[in-house]
PDB file of all heavy atoms in Angstrom:
ATOM      1  N   GLU A   1      19.508 -17.874-103.587  1.00  0.00           N
ATOM      2  CA  GLU A   1      19.243 -17.214-104.816  1.00  0.00           C
ATOM      3  C   GLU A   1      18.482 -18.148-105.820  1.00  0.00           C
ATOM      4  O   GLU A   1      18.536 -19.404-105.686  1.00  0.00           O
ATOM      5  CB  GLU A   1      20.591 -16.725-105.488  1.00  0.00           C
ATOM      6  CG  GLU A   1      21.282 -15.712-104.615  1.00  0.00           C
ATOM      7  CD  GLU A   1      22.467 -15.096-105.314  1.00  0.00           C
ATOM      8  OE1 GLU A   1      22.651 -15.272-106.520  1.00  0.00           O
ATOM      9  OE2 GLU A   1      23.308 -14.478-104.604  1.00  0.00           O
ATOM     10  N   GLU A   2      17.902 -17.569-106.884  1.00  0.00           N
ATOM     11  CA  GLU A   2      17.135 -18.390-107.804  1.00  0.00           C
ATOM     12  C   GLU A   2      18.052 -19.171-108.730  1.00  0.00           C
ATOM     13  O   GLU A   2      17.669 -20.281-109.138  1.00  0.00           O
ATOM     14  CB  GLU A   2      16.234 -17.490-108.706  1.00  0.00           C
ATOM     15  CG  GLU A   2      15.090 -16.872-107.933  1.00  0.00           C
ATOM     16  CD  GLU A   2      14.164 -16.087-108.867  1.00  0.00           C
ATOM     17  OE1 GLU A   2      14.364 -16.160-110.109  1.00  0.00           O
ATOM     18  OE2 GLU A   2      13.269 -15.318-108.368  1.00  0.00           O
ATOM     19  N   GLN A   3      19.210 -18.663-109.077  1.00  0.00           N
ATOM     20  CA  GLN A   3      20.071 -19.359-109.965  1.00  0.00           C
ATOM     21  C   GLN A   3      21.514 -19.393-109.485  1.00  0.00           C
ATOM     22  O   GLN A   3      22.033 -18.438-108.843  1.00  0.00           O
ATOM     23  CB  GLN A   3      20.137 -18.603-111.378  1.00  0.00           C
ATOM     24  CG  GLN A   3      18.740 -18.609-112.062  1.00  0.00           C
ATOM     25  CD  GLN A   3      18.822 -17.896-113.414  1.00  0.00           C
ATOM     26  OE1 GLN A   3      19.510 -16.872-113.552  1.00  0.00           O
ATOM     27  NE2 GLN A   3      18.126 -18.435-114.404  1.00  0.00           N
ATOM     28  N   TYR A   4      22.161 -20.559-109.694  1.00  0.00           N
ATOM     29  CA  TYR A   4      23.603 -20.699-109.393  1.00  0.00           C
ATOM     30  C   TYR A   4      24.299 -21.242-110.670  1.00  0.00           C
ATOM     31  O   TYR A   4      23.727 -22.185-111.293  1.00  0.00           O
ATOM     32  CB  TYR A   4      23.804 -21.625-108.271  1.00  0.00           C
ATOM     33  CG  TYR A   4      23.434 -20.959-106.900  1.00  0.00           C
ATOM     34  CD1 TYR A   4      22.176 -21.129-106.341  1.00  0.00           C
ATOM     35  CD2 TYR A   4      24.360 -20.182-106.224  1.00  0.00           C
ATOM     36  CE1 TYR A   4      21.817 -20.479-105.169  1.00  0.00           C
ATOM     37  CE2 TYR A   4      24.014 -19.555-105.010  1.00  0.00           C
ATOM     38  CZ  TYR A   4      22.734 -19.715-104.497  1.00  0.00           C
ATOM     39  OH  TYR A   4      22.399 -19.074-103.362  1.00  0.00           O
ATOM     40  N   LEU A   5      25.381 -20.622-111.005  1.00  0.00           N
ATOM     41  CA  LEU A   5      26.092 -21.053-112.226  1.00  0.00           C
ATOM     42  C   LEU A   5      26.621 -22.446-112.017  1.00  0.00           C
ATOM     43  O   LEU A   5      26.580 -23.341-112.998  1.00  0.00           O
ATOM     44  CB  LEU A   5      27.163 -20.054-112.523  1.00  0.00           C
ATOM     45  CG  LEU A   5      26.757 -18.614-112.676  1.00  0.00           C
ATOM     46  CD1 LEU A   5      27.954 -17.737-113.101  1.00  0.00           C
ATOM     47  CD2 LEU A   5      25.606 -18.422-113.585  1.00  0.00           C
ATOM     48  N   VAL A   6      27.274 -22.700-110.883  1.00  0.00           N
ATOM     49  CA  VAL A   6      27.863 -24.044-110.649  1.00  0.00           C
ATOM     50  C   VAL A   6      27.535 -24.385-109.211  1.00  0.00           C
ATOM     51  O   VAL A   6      27.539 -23.511-108.296  1.00  0.00           O
ATOM     52  CB  VAL A   6      29.389 -24.014-110.792  1.00  0.00           C
ATOM     53  CG1 VAL A   6      29.955 -25.426-110.608  1.00  0.00           C
ATOM     54  CG2 VAL A   6      29.794 -23.490-112.153  1.00  0.00           C
ATOM     55  N   VAL A   7      27.213 -25.635-108.957  1.00  0.00           N
ATOM     56  CA  VAL A   7      27.115 -26.121-107.551  1.00  0.00           C
ATOM     57  C   VAL A   7      27.978 -27.339-107.459  1.00  0.00           C
ATOM     58  O   VAL A   7      27.889 -28.295-108.232  1.00  0.00           O
ATOM     59  CB  VAL A   7      25.658 -26.498-107.198  1.00  0.00           C
ATOM     60  CG1 VAL A   7      25.643 -27.167-105.846  1.00  0.00           C
ATOM     61  CG2 VAL A   7      24.815 -25.230-107.103  1.00  0.00           C
ATOM     62  N   TRP A   8      28.978 -27.286-106.531  1.00  0.00           N
ATOM     63  CA  TRP A   8      29.855 -28.444-106.239  1.00  0.00           C
ATOM     64  C   TRP A   8      29.251 -29.194-105.006  1.00  0.00           C
ATOM     65  O   TRP A   8      28.878 -28.548-104.013  1.00  0.00           O
ATOM     66  CB  TRP A   8      31.221 -27.959-105.851  1.00  0.00           C
ATOM     67  CG  TRP A   8      31.956 -27.245-106.961  1.00  0.00           C
ATOM     68  CD1 TRP A   8      32.785 -27.806-107.895  1.00  0.00           C
ATOM     69  CD2 TRP A   8      31.939 -25.847-107.187  1.00  0.00           C
ATOM     70  NE1 TRP A   8      33.269 -26.815-108.734  1.00  0.00           N
ATOM     71  CE2 TRP A   8      32.804 -25.563-108.297  1.00  0.00           C
ATOM     72  CE3 TRP A   8      31.277 -24.720-106.598  1.00  0.00           C
ATOM     73  CZ2 TRP A   8      32.956 -24.318-108.863  1.00  0.00           C
ATOM     74  CZ3 TRP A   8      31.510 -23.496-107.146  1.00  0.00           C
ATOM     75  CH2 TRP A   8      32.348 -23.232-108.224  1.00  0.00           C
ATOM     76  N   MET A   9      29.210 -30.492-105.085  1.00  0.00           N
ATOM     77  CA  MET A   9      28.660 -31.285-103.990  1.00  0.00           C
ATOM     78  C   MET A   9      29.526 -32.419-103.548  1.00  0.00           C
ATOM     79  O   MET A   9      30.164 -33.105-104.418  1.00  0.00           O
ATOM     80  CB  MET A   9      27.242 -31.846-104.412  1.00  0.00           C
ATOM     81  CG  MET A   9      26.208 -30.819-104.629  1.00  0.00           C
ATOM     82  SD  MET A   9      24.586 -31.451-105.082  1.00  0.00           S
ATOM     83  CE  MET A   9      24.839 -31.587-106.867  1.00  0.00           C
ATOM     84  N   ASP A  10      29.680 -32.592-102.293  1.00  0.00           N
ATOM     85  CA  ASP A  10      30.477 -33.616-101.738  1.00  0.00           C
ATOM     86  C   ASP A  10      30.090 -33.932-100.297  1.00  0.00           C
ATOM     87  O   ASP A  10      29.168 -33.239 -99.742  1.00  0.00           O
ATOM     88  CB  ASP A  10      32.012 -33.232-101.788  1.00  0.00           C
ATOM     89  CG  ASP A  10      32.937 -34.422-101.765  1.00  0.00           C
ATOM     90  OD1 ASP A  10      32.422 -35.613-101.766  1.00  0.00           O
ATOM     91  OD2 ASP A  10      34.168 -34.241-101.735  1.00  0.00           O
ATOM     92  N   SER A  11      30.712 -34.855 -99.684  1.00  0.00           N
ATOM     93  CA  SER A  11      30.300 -35.187 -98.253  1.00  0.00           C
ATOM     94  C   SER A  11      31.538 -35.549 -97.468  1.00  0.00           C
ATOM     95  O   SER A  11      32.662 -35.748 -97.973  1.00  0.00           O
ATOM     96  CB  SER A  11      29.366 -36.412 -98.299  1.00  0.00           C
ATOM     97  OG  SER A  11      29.996 -37.582 -98.835  1.00  0.00           O
ATOM     98  N   ILE A  12      31.370 -35.532 -96.152  1.00  0.00           N
ATOM     99  CA  ILE A  12      32.498 -35.831 -95.231  1.00  0.00           C
ATOM    100  C   ILE A  12      31.924 -36.587 -94.035  1.00  0.00           C
ATOM    101  O   ILE A  12      30.834 -36.414 -93.633  1.00  0.00           O
ATOM    102  CB  ILE A  12      33.146 -34.463 -94.811  1.00  0.00           C
ATOM    103  CG1 ILE A  12      34.364 -34.670 -93.931  1.00  0.00           C
ATOM    104  CG2 ILE A  12      32.079 -33.614 -94.100  1.00  0.00           C
ATOM    105  CD1 ILE A  12      35.173 -33.424 -93.712  1.00  0.00           C
ATOM    106  N   VAL A  13      32.692 -37.603 -93.616  1.00  0.00           N
ATOM    107  CA  VAL A  13      32.190 -38.583 -92.614  1.00  0.00           C
ATOM    108  C   VAL A  13      32.740 -38.248 -91.235  1.00  0.00           C
ATOM    109  O   VAL A  13      33.986 -38.001 -91.051  1.00  0.00           O
ATOM    110  CB  VAL A  13      32.537 -40.037 -93.017  1.00  0.00           C
ATOM    111  CG1 VAL A  13      32.111 -41.048 -91.973  1.00  0.00           C
ATOM    112  CG2 VAL A  13      31.875 -40.393 -94.382  1.00  0.00           C
ATOM    113  N   PHE A  14      31.836 -38.296 -90.193  1.00  0.00           N
ATOM    114  CA  PHE A  14      32.295 -38.116 -88.833  1.00  0.00           C
ATOM    115  C   PHE A  14      31.761 -39.271 -87.948  1.00  0.00           C
ATOM    116  O   PHE A  14      30.760 -39.950 -88.342  1.00  0.00           O
ATOM    117  CB  PHE A  14      31.684 -36.816 -88.254  1.00  0.00           C
ATOM    118  CG  PHE A  14      32.181 -35.581 -88.931  1.00  0.00           C
ATOM    119  CD1 PHE A  14      31.580 -35.018 -89.990  1.00  0.00           C
ATOM    120  CD2 PHE A  14      33.450 -35.026 -88.475  1.00  0.00           C
ATOM    121  CE1 PHE A  14      32.061 -33.817 -90.590  1.00  0.00           C
ATOM    122  CE2 PHE A  14      33.942 -33.903 -89.128  1.00  0.00           C
ATOM    123  CZ  PHE A  14      33.284 -33.316 -90.175  1.00  0.00           C
ATOM    124  N   LYS A  15      32.420 -39.502 -86.851  1.00  0.00           N
ATOM    125  CA  LYS A  15      31.914 -40.441 -85.902  1.00  0.00           C
ATOM    126  C   LYS A  15      31.050 -39.784 -84.863  1.00  0.00           C
ATOM    127  O   LYS A  15      31.458 -38.816 -84.275  1.00  0.00           O
ATOM    128  CB  LYS A  15      33.145 -41.204 -85.208  1.00  0.00           C
ATOM    129  CG  LYS A  15      33.956 -42.072 -86.161  1.00  0.00           C
ATOM    130  CD  LYS A  15      34.957 -42.964 -85.418  1.00  0.00           C
ATOM    131  CE  LYS A  15      35.660 -43.859 -86.491  1.00  0.00           C
ATOM    132  NZ  LYS A  15      34.753 -44.760 -87.193  1.00  0.00           N
ATOM    133  N   VAL A  16      29.838 -40.300 -84.718  1.00  0.00           N
ATOM    134  CA  VAL A  16      28.875 -39.732 -83.817  1.00  0.00           C
ATOM    135  C   VAL A  16      28.232 -40.793 -82.918  1.00  0.00           C
ATOM    136  O   VAL A  16      27.935 -41.868 -83.419  1.00  0.00           O
ATOM    137  CB  VAL A  16      27.774 -38.967 -84.584  1.00  0.00           C
ATOM    138  CG1 VAL A  16      26.784 -38.262 -83.694  1.00  0.00           C
ATOM    139  CG2 VAL A  16      28.332 -38.012 -85.624  1.00  0.00           C
ATOM    140  N   ARG A  17      28.059 -40.442 -81.659  1.00  0.00           N
ATOM    141  CA  ARG A  17      27.446 -41.390 -80.782  1.00  0.00           C
ATOM    142  C   ARG A  17      25.911 -41.475 -80.987  1.00  0.00           C
ATOM    143  O   ARG A  17      25.237 -40.457 -81.130  1.00  0.00           O
ATOM    144  CB  ARG A  17      27.718 -41.020 -79.293  1.00  0.00           C
ATOM    145  CG  ARG A  17      27.093 -41.980 -78.275  1.00  0.00           C
ATOM    146  CD  ARG A  17      27.679 -41.757 -76.888  1.00  0.00           C
ATOM    147  NE  ARG A  17      29.074 -42.064 -76.788  1.00  0.00           N
ATOM    148  CZ  ARG A  17      29.602 -43.305 -76.733  1.00  0.00           C
ATOM    149  NH1 ARG A  17      28.759 -44.338 -76.644  1.00  0.00           N
ATOM    150  NH2 ARG A  17      30.847 -43.537 -76.637  1.00  0.00           N
ATOM    151  N   GLU A  18      25.461 -42.710 -81.041  1.00  0.00           N
ATOM    152  CA  GLU A  18      24.035 -42.912 -81.194  1.00  0.00           C
ATOM    153  C   GLU A  18      23.625 -44.068 -80.220  1.00  0.00           C
ATOM    154  O   GLU A  18      23.946 -45.146 -80.489  1.00  0.00           O
ATOM    155  CB  GLU A  18      23.656 -43.345 -82.611  1.00  0.00           C
ATOM    156  CG  GLU A  18      22.143 -43.280 -82.868  1.00  0.00           C
ATOM    157  CD  GLU A  18      21.816 -43.492 -84.381  1.00  0.00           C
ATOM    158  OE1 GLU A  18      21.700 -44.677 -84.762  1.00  0.00           O
ATOM    159  OE2 GLU A  18      21.673 -42.450 -85.065  1.00  0.00           O
ATOM    160  N   GLY A  19      22.958 -43.636 -79.199  1.00  0.00           N
ATOM    161  CA  GLY A  19      22.682 -44.674 -78.117  1.00  0.00           C
ATOM    162  C   GLY A  19      23.964 -45.070 -77.438  1.00  0.00           C
ATOM    163  O   GLY A  19      24.765 -44.257 -77.012  1.00  0.00           O
ATOM    164  N   SER A  20      24.222 -46.349 -77.401  1.00  0.00           N
ATOM    165  CA  SER A  20      25.443 -46.886 -76.751  1.00  0.00           C
ATOM    166  C   SER A  20      26.574 -47.112 -77.766  1.00  0.00           C
ATOM    167  O   SER A  20      27.618 -47.606 -77.348  1.00  0.00           O
ATOM    168  CB  SER A  20      25.119 -48.210 -76.055  1.00  0.00           C
ATOM    169  OG  SER A  20      24.614 -49.158 -77.051  1.00  0.00           O
ATOM    170  N   LYS A  21      26.335 -46.830 -79.044  1.00  0.00           N
ATOM    171  CA  LYS A  21      27.330 -47.037 -80.084  1.00  0.00           C
ATOM    172  C   LYS A  21      27.830 -45.755 -80.661  1.00  0.00           C
ATOM    173  O   LYS A  21      27.188 -44.683 -80.622  1.00  0.00           O
ATOM    174  CB  LYS A  21      26.730 -47.953 -81.206  1.00  0.00           C
ATOM    175  CG  LYS A  21      26.348 -49.294 -80.782  1.00  0.00           C
ATOM    176  CD  LYS A  21      25.794 -50.038 -81.932  1.00  0.00           C
ATOM    177  CE  LYS A  21      25.369 -51.497 -81.526  1.00  0.00           C
ATOM    178  NZ  LYS A  21      24.768 -52.258 -82.701  1.00  0.00           N
ATOM    179  N   VAL A  22      29.078 -45.825 -81.216  1.00  0.00           N
ATOM    180  CA  VAL A  22      29.610 -44.705 -82.035  1.00  0.00           C
ATOM    181  C   VAL A  22      29.515 -45.173 -83.493  1.00  0.00           C
ATOM    182  O   VAL A  22      30.173 -46.194 -83.796  1.00  0.00           O
ATOM    183  CB  VAL A  22      31.044 -44.316 -81.611  1.00  0.00           C
ATOM    184  CG1 VAL A  22      31.609 -43.290 -82.599  1.00  0.00           C
ATOM    185  CG2 VAL A  22      31.033 -43.765 -80.209  1.00  0.00           C
ATOM    186  N   ILE A  23      28.828 -44.435 -84.339  1.00  0.00           N
ATOM    187  CA  ILE A  23      28.693 -44.844 -85.731  1.00  0.00           C
ATOM    188  C   ILE A  23      29.115 -43.756 -86.688  1.00  0.00           C
ATOM    189  O   ILE A  23      29.299 -42.635 -86.281  1.00  0.00           O
ATOM    190  CB  ILE A  23      27.248 -45.236 -86.101  1.00  0.00           C
ATOM    191  CG1 ILE A  23      26.292 -44.004 -85.940  1.00  0.00           C
ATOM    192  CG2 ILE A  23      26.714 -46.362 -85.140  1.00  0.00           C
ATOM    193  CD1 ILE A  23      24.879 -44.240 -86.418  1.00  0.00           C
ATOM    194  N   ASN A  24      29.342 -44.105 -87.888  1.00  0.00           N
ATOM    195  CA  ASN A  24      29.709 -43.158 -88.966  1.00  0.00           C
ATOM    196  C   ASN A  24      28.436 -42.399 -89.423  1.00  0.00           C
ATOM    197  O   ASN A  24      27.426 -43.031 -89.710  1.00  0.00           O
ATOM    198  CB  ASN A  24      30.354 -43.758 -90.153  1.00  0.00           C
ATOM    199  CG  ASN A  24      31.748 -44.265 -89.880  1.00  0.00           C
ATOM    200  OD1 ASN A  24      32.429 -43.731 -88.929  1.00  0.00           O
ATOM    201  ND2 ASN A  24      32.267 -45.187 -90.661  1.00  0.00           N
ATOM    202  N   LYS A  25      28.517 -41.126 -89.467  1.00  0.00           N
ATOM    203  CA  LYS A  25      27.434 -40.237 -90.074  1.00  0.00           C
ATOM    204  C   LYS A  25      28.077 -39.315 -91.064  1.00  0.00           C
ATOM    205  O   LYS A  25      29.297 -38.954 -90.991  1.00  0.00           O
ATOM    206  CB  LYS A  25      26.714 -39.497 -89.009  1.00  0.00           C
ATOM    207  CG  LYS A  25      25.787 -40.401 -88.101  1.00  0.00           C
ATOM    208  CD  LYS A  25      24.740 -39.705 -87.369  1.00  0.00           C
ATOM    209  CE  LYS A  25      23.789 -40.657 -86.645  1.00  0.00           C
ATOM    210  NZ  LYS A  25      22.690 -39.946 -85.924  1.00  0.00           N
ATOM    211  N   THR A  26      27.258 -38.903 -92.018  1.00  0.00           N
ATOM    212  CA  THR A  26      27.762 -38.150 -93.180  1.00  0.00           C
ATOM    213  C   THR A  26      27.152 -36.770 -93.154  1.00  0.00           C
ATOM    214  O   THR A  26      25.997 -36.558 -93.030  1.00  0.00           O
ATOM    215  CB  THR A  26      27.405 -38.803 -94.495  1.00  0.00           C
ATOM    216  OG1 THR A  26      27.940 -40.167 -94.523  1.00  0.00           O
ATOM    217  CG2 THR A  26      27.952 -38.068 -95.646  1.00  0.00           C
ATOM    218  N   ILE A  27      28.076 -35.762 -93.279  1.00  0.00           N
ATOM    219  CA  ILE A  27      27.646 -34.340 -93.523  1.00  0.00           C
ATOM    220  C   ILE A  27      27.696 -34.106 -95.007  1.00  0.00           C
ATOM    221  O   ILE A  27      28.737 -34.244 -95.635  1.00  0.00           O
ATOM    222  CB  ILE A  27      28.533 -33.355 -92.764  1.00  0.00           C
ATOM    223  CG1 ILE A  27      28.323 -33.388 -91.257  1.00  0.00           C
ATOM    224  CG2 ILE A  27      28.296 -31.929 -93.255  1.00  0.00           C
ATOM    225  CD1 ILE A  27      27.109 -32.678 -90.767  1.00  0.00           C
TER     226      ILE A  27
END
């Protein structure tokens, strides 16, 4: 939509494999 009255923003961290390592990534 063109307009939003309020937008709440936050993030959450997950462990994801990248190559041979497991690292933290953020959604």
